[in-house]
Amino acid sequence: MSTFPKDTYIERRNRLKQKVGTGILLFLGNEESSSNFKDNWYPFRQDSSFLYFFWLRHARTCSDHRYRSGLGNHLWG
């Protein structure tokens, strides 16, 4: 599956930042899940909002964006 250029995702996050103003946003990605027991996995599908802003297709990934001066962004996974 093709992706947009990196600048596309940066611009999407910047537009969101302008709309939100100040505050902290937490983006939670999906984790792998089993259908009816631990060894029977569904194919992994990342959360659509997470894909829209980051395009990271890894399980158990999350990010916080702190929209106040002096605070940075963090990405975990």
PDB file of N, CA and C in Angstrom:
ATOM      1  N   MET A   1       0.840  -1.170   0.000  1.00  0.00           N
ATOM      2  CA  MET A   1       0.000   0.000   0.000  1.00  0.00           C
ATOM      3  C   MET A   1       0.891   1.240   0.000  1.00  0.00           C
ATOM      4  N   SER A   2       0.623   2.161  -0.894  1.00  0.00           N
ATOM      5  CA  SER A   2       1.461   3.351  -0.998  1.00  0.00           C
ATOM      6  C   SER A   2       1.086   4.371   0.081  1.00  0.00           C
ATOM      7  N   THR A   3       2.032   5.227   0.396  1.00  0.00           N
ATOM      8  CA  THR A   3       1.803   6.278   1.379  1.00  0.00           C
ATOM      9  C   THR A   3       1.990   7.629   0.722  1.00  0.00           C
ATOM     10  N   PHE A   4       1.496   8.645   1.389  1.00  0.00           N
ATOM     11  CA  PHE A   4       1.739  10.009   0.947  1.00  0.00           C
ATOM     12  C   PHE A   4       3.142  10.422   1.380  1.00  0.00           C
ATOM     13  N   PRO A   5       3.658  11.509   0.833  1.00  0.00           N
ATOM     14  CA  PRO A   5       4.949  12.011   1.307  1.00  0.00           C
ATOM     15  C   PRO A   5       4.881  12.388   2.790  1.00  0.00           C
ATOM     16  N   LYS A   6       6.001  12.338   3.463  1.00  0.00           N
ATOM     17  CA  LYS A   6       6.082  12.642   4.890  1.00  0.00           C
ATOM     18  C   LYS A   6       5.464  13.997   5.222  1.00  0.00           C
ATOM     19  N   ASP A   7       5.643  14.969   4.340  1.00  0.00           N
ATOM     20  CA  ASP A   7       5.115  16.318   4.576  1.00  0.00           C
ATOM     21  C   ASP A   7       3.591  16.338   4.684  1.00  0.00           C
ATOM     22  N   THR A   8       2.917  15.400   4.034  1.00  0.00           N
ATOM     23  CA  THR A   8       1.454  15.323   4.116  1.00  0.00           C
ATOM     24  C   THR A   8       1.005  15.075   5.549  1.00  0.00           C
ATOM     25  N   TYR A   9       1.656  14.157   6.235  1.00  0.00           N
ATOM     26  CA  TYR A   9       1.276  13.825   7.611  1.00  0.00           C
ATOM     27  C   TYR A   9       1.643  14.954   8.567  1.00  0.00           C
ATOM     28  N   ILE A  10       2.767  15.605   8.301  1.00  0.00           N
ATOM     29  CA  ILE A  10       3.160  16.759   9.120  1.00  0.00           C
ATOM     30  C   ILE A  10       2.129  17.874   8.965  1.00  0.00           C
ATOM     31  N   GLU A  11       1.688  18.131   7.750  1.00  0.00           N
ATOM     32  CA  GLU A  11       0.693  19.172   7.503  1.00  0.00           C
ATOM     33  C   GLU A  11      -0.638  18.842   8.174  1.00  0.00           C
ATOM     34  N   ARG A  12      -1.038  17.580   8.138  1.00  0.00           N
ATOM     35  CA  ARG A  12      -2.288  17.182   8.811  1.00  0.00           C
ATOM     36  C   ARG A  12      -2.206  17.452  10.304  1.00  0.00           C
ATOM     37  N   ARG A  13      -1.074  17.124  10.920  1.00  0.00           N
ATOM     38  CA  ARG A  13      -0.911  17.380  12.359  1.00  0.00           C
ATOM     39  C   ARG A  13      -0.854  18.876  12.644  1.00  0.00           C
ATOM     40  N   ASN A  14      -0.242  19.654  11.761  1.00  0.00           N
ATOM     41  CA  ASN A  14      -0.200  21.102  11.949  1.00  0.00           C
ATOM     42  C   ASN A  14      -1.582  21.729  11.850  1.00  0.00           C
ATOM     43  N   ARG A  15      -2.402  21.261  10.902  1.00  0.00           N
ATOM     44  CA  ARG A  15      -3.781  21.766  10.798  1.00  0.00           C
ATOM     45  C   ARG A  15      -4.576  21.428  12.056  1.00  0.00           C
ATOM     46  N   LEU A  16      -4.391  20.232  12.573  1.00  0.00           N
ATOM     47  CA  LEU A  16      -5.065  19.838  13.805  1.00  0.00           C
ATOM     48  C   LEU A  16      -4.629  20.737  14.956  1.00  0.00           C
ATOM     49  N   LYS A  17      -3.349  21.025  15.021  1.00  0.00           N
ATOM     50  CA  LYS A  17      -2.813  21.897  16.074  1.00  0.00           C
ATOM     51  C   LYS A  17      -3.452  23.279  16.013  1.00  0.00           C
ATOM     52  N   GLN A  18      -3.628  23.824  14.810  1.00  0.00           N
ATOM     53  CA  GLN A  18      -4.266  25.129  14.659  1.00  0.00           C
ATOM     54  C   GLN A  18      -5.712  25.100  15.132  1.00  0.00           C
ATOM     55  N   LYS A  19      -6.417  24.021  14.853  1.00  0.00           N
ATOM     56  CA  LYS A  19      -7.821  23.920  15.250  1.00  0.00           C
ATOM     57  C   LYS A  19      -7.981  23.723  16.756  1.00  0.00           C
ATOM     58  N   VAL A  20      -7.073  22.965  17.357  1.00  0.00           N
ATOM     59  CA  VAL A  20      -7.175  22.662  18.790  1.00  0.00           C
ATOM     60  C   VAL A  20      -6.692  23.834  19.631  1.00  0.00           C
ATOM     61  N   GLY A  21      -5.628  24.489  19.209  1.00  0.00           N
ATOM     62  CA  GLY A  21      -5.063  25.586  19.997  1.00  0.00           C
ATOM     63  C   GLY A  21      -4.121  25.040  21.053  1.00  0.00           C
ATOM     64  N   THR A  22      -4.566  24.979  22.292  1.00  0.00           N
ATOM     65  CA  THR A  22      -3.730  24.444  23.363  1.00  0.00           C
ATOM     66  C   THR A  22      -4.371  23.191  23.938  1.00  0.00           C
ATOM     67  N   GLY A  23      -3.544  22.363  24.531  1.00  0.00           N
ATOM     68  CA  GLY A  23      -4.034  21.139  25.148  1.00  0.00           C
ATOM     69  C   GLY A  23      -3.142  19.968  24.793  1.00  0.00           C
ATOM     70  N   ILE A  24      -3.563  18.795  25.216  1.00  0.00           N
ATOM     71  CA  ILE A  24      -2.829  17.568  24.954  1.00  0.00           C
ATOM     72  C   ILE A  24      -3.752  16.604  24.226  1.00  0.00           C
ATOM     73  N   LEU A  25      -3.287  16.083  23.114  1.00  0.00           N
ATOM     74  CA  LEU A  25      -4.037  15.078  22.373  1.00  0.00           C
ATOM     75  C   LEU A  25      -3.308  13.752  22.481  1.00  0.00           C
ATOM     76  N   LEU A  26      -4.045  12.698  22.715  1.00  0.00           N
ATOM     77  CA  LEU A  26      -3.473  11.359  22.816  1.00  0.00           C
ATOM     78  C   LEU A  26      -4.049  10.514  21.688  1.00  0.00           C
ATOM     79  N   PHE A  27      -3.174   9.962  20.877  1.00  0.00           N
ATOM     80  CA  PHE A  27      -3.562   9.079  19.782  1.00  0.00           C
ATOM     81  C   PHE A  27      -3.160   7.664  20.148  1.00  0.00           C
ATOM     82  N   LEU A  28      -4.120   6.769  20.202  1.00  0.00           N
ATOM     83  CA  LEU A  28      -3.845   5.374  20.531  1.00  0.00           C
ATOM     84  C   LEU A  28      -4.015   4.512  19.293  1.00  0.00           C
ATOM     85  N   GLY A  29      -2.980   3.771  18.972  1.00  0.00           N
ATOM     86  CA  GLY A  29      -3.075   2.819  17.877  1.00  0.00           C
ATOM     87  C   GLY A  29      -3.681   1.515  18.382  1.00  0.00           C
ATOM     88  N   ASN A  30      -3.993   0.642  17.469  1.00  0.00           N
ATOM     89  CA  ASN A  30      -4.561  -0.656  17.840  1.00  0.00           C
ATOM     90  C   ASN A  30      -3.474  -1.633  18.264  1.00  0.00           C
ATOM     91  N   GLU A  31      -3.897  -2.683  18.903  1.00  0.00           N
ATOM     92  CA  GLU A  31      -2.998  -3.797  19.181  1.00  0.00           C
ATOM     93  C   GLU A  31      -3.557  -5.028  18.497  1.00  0.00           C
ATOM     94  N   GLU A  32      -2.757  -6.049  18.398  1.00  0.00           N
ATOM     95  CA  GLU A  32      -3.228  -7.283  17.779  1.00  0.00           C
ATOM     96  C   GLU A  32      -4.298  -7.913  18.669  1.00  0.00           C
ATOM     97  N   SER A  33      -5.273  -8.545  18.046  1.00  0.00           N
ATOM     98  CA  SER A  33      -6.326  -9.170  18.834  1.00  0.00           C
ATOM     99  C   SER A  33      -6.642 -10.555  18.273  1.00  0.00           C
ATOM    100  N   SER A  34      -6.986 -11.435  19.184  1.00  0.00           N
ATOM    101  CA  SER A  34      -7.333 -12.794  18.772  1.00  0.00           C
ATOM    102  C   SER A  34      -8.835 -12.895  18.561  1.00  0.00           C
ATOM    103  N   SER A  35      -9.250 -13.834  17.730  1.00  0.00           N
ATOM    104  CA  SER A  35     -10.679 -13.945  17.456  1.00  0.00           C
ATOM    105  C   SER A  35     -11.413 -14.724  18.539  1.00  0.00           C
ATOM    106  N   ASN A  36     -10.938 -15.870  18.930  1.00  0.00           N
ATOM    107  CA  ASN A  36     -11.635 -16.590  19.991  1.00  0.00           C
ATOM    108  C   ASN A  36     -10.693 -17.306  20.958  1.00  0.00           C
ATOM    109  N   PHE A  37      -9.405 -17.291  20.689  1.00  0.00           N
ATOM    110  CA  PHE A  37      -8.426 -17.737  21.667  1.00  0.00           C
ATOM    111  C   PHE A  37      -7.065 -17.169  21.270  1.00  0.00           C
ATOM    112  N   LYS A  38      -6.142 -17.214  22.165  1.00  0.00           N
ATOM    113  CA  LYS A  38      -4.871 -16.502  22.048  1.00  0.00           C
ATOM    114  C   LYS A  38      -4.089 -16.777  20.762  1.00  0.00           C
ATOM    115  N   ASP A  39      -4.132 -17.982  20.236  1.00  0.00           N
ATOM    116  CA  ASP A  39      -3.322 -18.333  19.079  1.00  0.00           C
ATOM    117  C   ASP A  39      -4.046 -18.190  17.739  1.00  0.00           C
ATOM    118  N   ASN A  40      -5.231 -17.641  17.737  1.00  0.00           N
ATOM    119  CA  ASN A  40      -6.012 -17.473  16.517  1.00  0.00           C
ATOM    120  C   ASN A  40      -6.194 -15.977  16.260  1.00  0.00           C
ATOM    121  N   TRP A  41      -5.223 -15.343  15.606  1.00  0.00           N
ATOM    122  CA  TRP A  41      -5.191 -13.887  15.447  1.00  0.00           C
ATOM    123  C   TRP A  41      -5.949 -13.409  14.225  1.00  0.00           C
ATOM    124  N   TYR A  42      -6.613 -12.263  14.402  1.00  0.00           N
ATOM    125  CA  TYR A  42      -7.134 -11.541  13.248  1.00  0.00           C
ATOM    126  C   TYR A  42      -5.962 -10.864  12.551  1.00  0.00           C
ATOM    127  N   PRO A  43      -6.052 -10.609  11.246  1.00  0.00           N
ATOM    128  CA  PRO A  43      -5.006  -9.816  10.595  1.00  0.00           C
ATOM    129  C   PRO A  43      -4.969  -8.422  11.227  1.00  0.00           C
ATOM    130  N   PHE A  44      -3.788  -7.910  11.507  1.00  0.00           N
ATOM    131  CA  PHE A  44      -3.660  -6.615  12.170  1.00  0.00           C
ATOM    132  C   PHE A  44      -4.123  -5.486  11.261  1.00  0.00           C
ATOM    133  N   ARG A  45      -4.885  -4.560  11.833  1.00  0.00           N
ATOM    134  CA  ARG A  45      -5.335  -3.355  11.129  1.00  0.00           C
ATOM    135  C   ARG A  45      -5.181  -2.188  12.083  1.00  0.00           C
ATOM    136  N   GLN A  46      -4.379  -1.197  11.686  1.00  0.00           N
ATOM    137  CA  GLN A  46      -4.160  -0.028  12.519  1.00  0.00           C
ATOM    138  C   GLN A  46      -5.411   0.850  12.537  1.00  0.00           C
ATOM    139  N   ASP A  47      -5.585   1.597  13.619  1.00  0.00           N
ATOM    140  CA  ASP A  47      -6.685   2.539  13.771  1.00  0.00           C
ATOM    141  C   ASP A  47      -6.645   3.582  12.655  1.00  0.00           C
ATOM    142  N   SER A  48      -7.791   3.894  12.066  1.00  0.00           N
ATOM    143  CA  SER A  48      -7.836   4.800  10.916  1.00  0.00           C
ATOM    144  C   SER A  48      -7.354   6.205  11.248  1.00  0.00           C
ATOM    145  N   SER A  49      -7.703   6.728  12.413  1.00  0.00           N
ATOM    146  CA  SER A  49      -7.239   8.064  12.797  1.00  0.00           C
ATOM    147  C   SER A  49      -5.729   8.083  12.971  1.00  0.00           C
ATOM    148  N   PHE A  50      -5.192   7.029  13.555  1.00  0.00           N
ATOM    149  CA  PHE A  50      -3.745   6.941  13.734  1.00  0.00           C
ATOM    150  C   PHE A  50      -3.045   6.898  12.372  1.00  0.00           C
ATOM    151  N   LEU A  51      -3.594   6.131  11.434  1.00  0.00           N
ATOM    152  CA  LEU A  51      -3.022   6.089  10.089  1.00  0.00           C
ATOM    153  C   LEU A  51      -3.094   7.449   9.407  1.00  0.00           C
ATOM    154  N   TYR A  52      -4.192   8.157   9.591  1.00  0.00           N
ATOM    155  CA  TYR A  52      -4.383   9.454   8.945  1.00  0.00           C
ATOM    156  C   TYR A  52      -3.317  10.462   9.375  1.00  0.00           C
ATOM    157  N   PHE A  53      -2.977  10.469  10.655  1.00  0.00           N
ATOM    158  CA  PHE A  53      -2.032  11.453  11.167  1.00  0.00           C
ATOM    159  C   PHE A  53      -0.580  10.981  11.167  1.00  0.00           C
ATOM    160  N   PHE A  54      -0.322   9.667  11.178  1.00  0.00           N
ATOM    161  CA  PHE A  54       1.047   9.172  11.338  1.00  0.00           C
ATOM    162  C   PHE A  54       1.489   8.148  10.308  1.00  0.00           C
ATOM    163  N   TRP A  55       0.572   7.361   9.789  1.00  0.00           N
ATOM    164  CA  TRP A  55       0.849   6.259   8.870  1.00  0.00           C
ATOM    165  C   TRP A  55       1.875   5.279   9.432  1.00  0.00           C
ATOM    166  N   LEU A  56       1.734   4.957  10.689  1.00  0.00           N
ATOM    167  CA  LEU A  56       2.556   3.918  11.311  1.00  0.00           C
ATOM    168  C   LEU A  56       1.691   2.687  11.472  1.00  0.00           C
ATOM    169  N   ARG A  57       2.134   1.586  10.907  1.00  0.00           N
ATOM    170  CA  ARG A  57       1.324   0.372  10.895  1.00  0.00           C
ATOM    171  C   ARG A  57       1.896  -0.678  11.830  1.00  0.00           C
ATOM    172  N   HIS A  58       2.254  -0.264  13.034  1.00  0.00           N
ATOM    173  CA  HIS A  58       2.799  -1.185  14.024  1.00  0.00           C
ATOM    174  C   HIS A  58       1.822  -1.293  15.191  1.00  0.00           C
ATOM    175  N   ALA A  59       1.679  -2.486  15.723  1.00  0.00           N
ATOM    176  CA  ALA A  59       0.792  -2.696  16.863  1.00  0.00           C
ATOM    177  C   ALA A  59       1.352  -2.015  18.109  1.00  0.00           C
ATOM    178  N   ARG A  60       0.439  -1.634  19.008  1.00  0.00           N
ATOM    179  CA  ARG A  60       0.783  -1.041  20.305  1.00  0.00           C
ATOM    180  C   ARG A  60       1.598   0.243  20.173  1.00  0.00           C
ATOM    181  N   THR A  61       1.180   1.113  19.291  1.00  0.00           N
ATOM    182  CA  THR A  61       1.848   2.390  19.105  1.00  0.00           C
ATOM    183  C   THR A  61       0.915   3.496  19.578  1.00  0.00           C
ATOM    184  N   CYS A  62       1.461   4.503  20.230  1.00  0.00           N
ATOM    185  CA  CYS A  62       0.652   5.649  20.628  1.00  0.00           C
ATOM    186  C   CYS A  62       1.511   6.908  20.572  1.00  0.00           C
ATOM    187  N   SER A  63       0.852   8.055  20.581  1.00  0.00           N
ATOM    188  CA  SER A  63       1.558   9.322  20.506  1.00  0.00           C
ATOM    189  C   SER A  63       0.776  10.365  21.288  1.00  0.00           C
ATOM    190  N   ASP A  64       1.484  11.257  21.961  1.00  0.00           N
ATOM    191  CA  ASP A  64       0.810  12.415  22.553  1.00  0.00           C
ATOM    192  C   ASP A  64       1.395  13.679  21.940  1.00  0.00           C
ATOM    193  N   HIS A  65       0.530  14.636  21.731  1.00  0.00           N
ATOM    194  CA  HIS A  65       0.934  15.926  21.179  1.00  0.00           C
ATOM    195  C   HIS A  65       0.503  16.995  22.158  1.00  0.00           C
ATOM    196  N   ARG A  66       1.471  17.705  22.673  1.00  0.00           N
ATOM    197  CA  ARG A  66       1.226  18.726  23.687  1.00  0.00           C
ATOM    198  C   ARG A  66       1.283  20.085  23.022  1.00  0.00           C
ATOM    199  N   TYR A  67       0.123  20.670  22.837  1.00  0.00           N
ATOM    200  CA  TYR A  67       0.013  21.925  22.116  1.00  0.00           C
ATOM    201  C   TYR A  67       0.058  23.112  23.072  1.00  0.00           C
ATOM    202  N   ARG A  68       1.183  23.234  23.747  1.00  0.00           N
ATOM    203  CA  ARG A  68       1.481  24.393  24.575  1.00  0.00           C
ATOM    204  C   ARG A  68       2.954  24.690  24.389  1.00  0.00           C
ATOM    205  N   SER A  69       3.337  25.913  24.559  1.00  0.00           N
ATOM    206  CA  SER A  69       4.737  26.268  24.330  1.00  0.00           C
ATOM    207  C   SER A  69       5.639  25.540  25.318  1.00  0.00           C
ATOM    208  N   GLY A  70       6.767  25.062  24.815  1.00  0.00           N
ATOM    209  CA  GLY A  70       7.768  24.424  25.649  1.00  0.00           C
ATOM    210  C   GLY A  70       7.589  22.937  25.857  1.00  0.00           C
ATOM    211  N   LEU A  71       6.472  22.369  25.456  1.00  0.00           N
ATOM    212  CA  LEU A  71       6.254  20.930  25.622  1.00  0.00           C
ATOM    213  C   LEU A  71       6.385  20.240  24.273  1.00  0.00           C
ATOM    214  N   GLY A  72       7.006  19.091  24.252  1.00  0.00           N
ATOM    215  CA  GLY A  72       7.247  18.381  23.005  1.00  0.00           C
ATOM    216  C   GLY A  72       6.232  17.298  22.738  1.00  0.00           C
ATOM    217  N   ASN A  73       6.461  16.570  21.670  1.00  0.00           N
ATOM    218  CA  ASN A  73       5.612  15.448  21.276  1.00  0.00           C
ATOM    219  C   ASN A  73       6.351  14.159  21.556  1.00  0.00           C
ATOM    220  N   HIS A  74       5.600  13.100  21.822  1.00  0.00           N
ATOM    221  CA  HIS A  74       6.202  11.804  22.107  1.00  0.00           C
ATOM    222  C   HIS A  74       5.511  10.731  21.279  1.00  0.00           C
ATOM    223  N   LEU A  75       6.279   9.765  20.859  1.00  0.00           N
ATOM    224  CA  LEU A  75       5.744   8.624  20.126  1.00  0.00           C
ATOM    225  C   LEU A  75       6.279   7.366  20.795  1.00  0.00           C
ATOM    226  N   TRP A  76       5.371   6.476  21.168  1.00  0.00           N
ATOM    227  CA  TRP A  76       5.768   5.222  21.806  1.00  0.00           C
ATOM    228  C   TRP A  76       5.350   4.069  20.920  1.00  0.00           C
ATOM    229  N   GLY A  77       6.085   2.994  21.001  1.00  0.00           N
ATOM    230  CA  GLY A  77       5.673   1.826  20.244  1.00  0.00           C
ATOM    231  C   GLY A  77       6.615   0.684  20.405  1.00  0.00           C
TER     232      GLY A  77
END
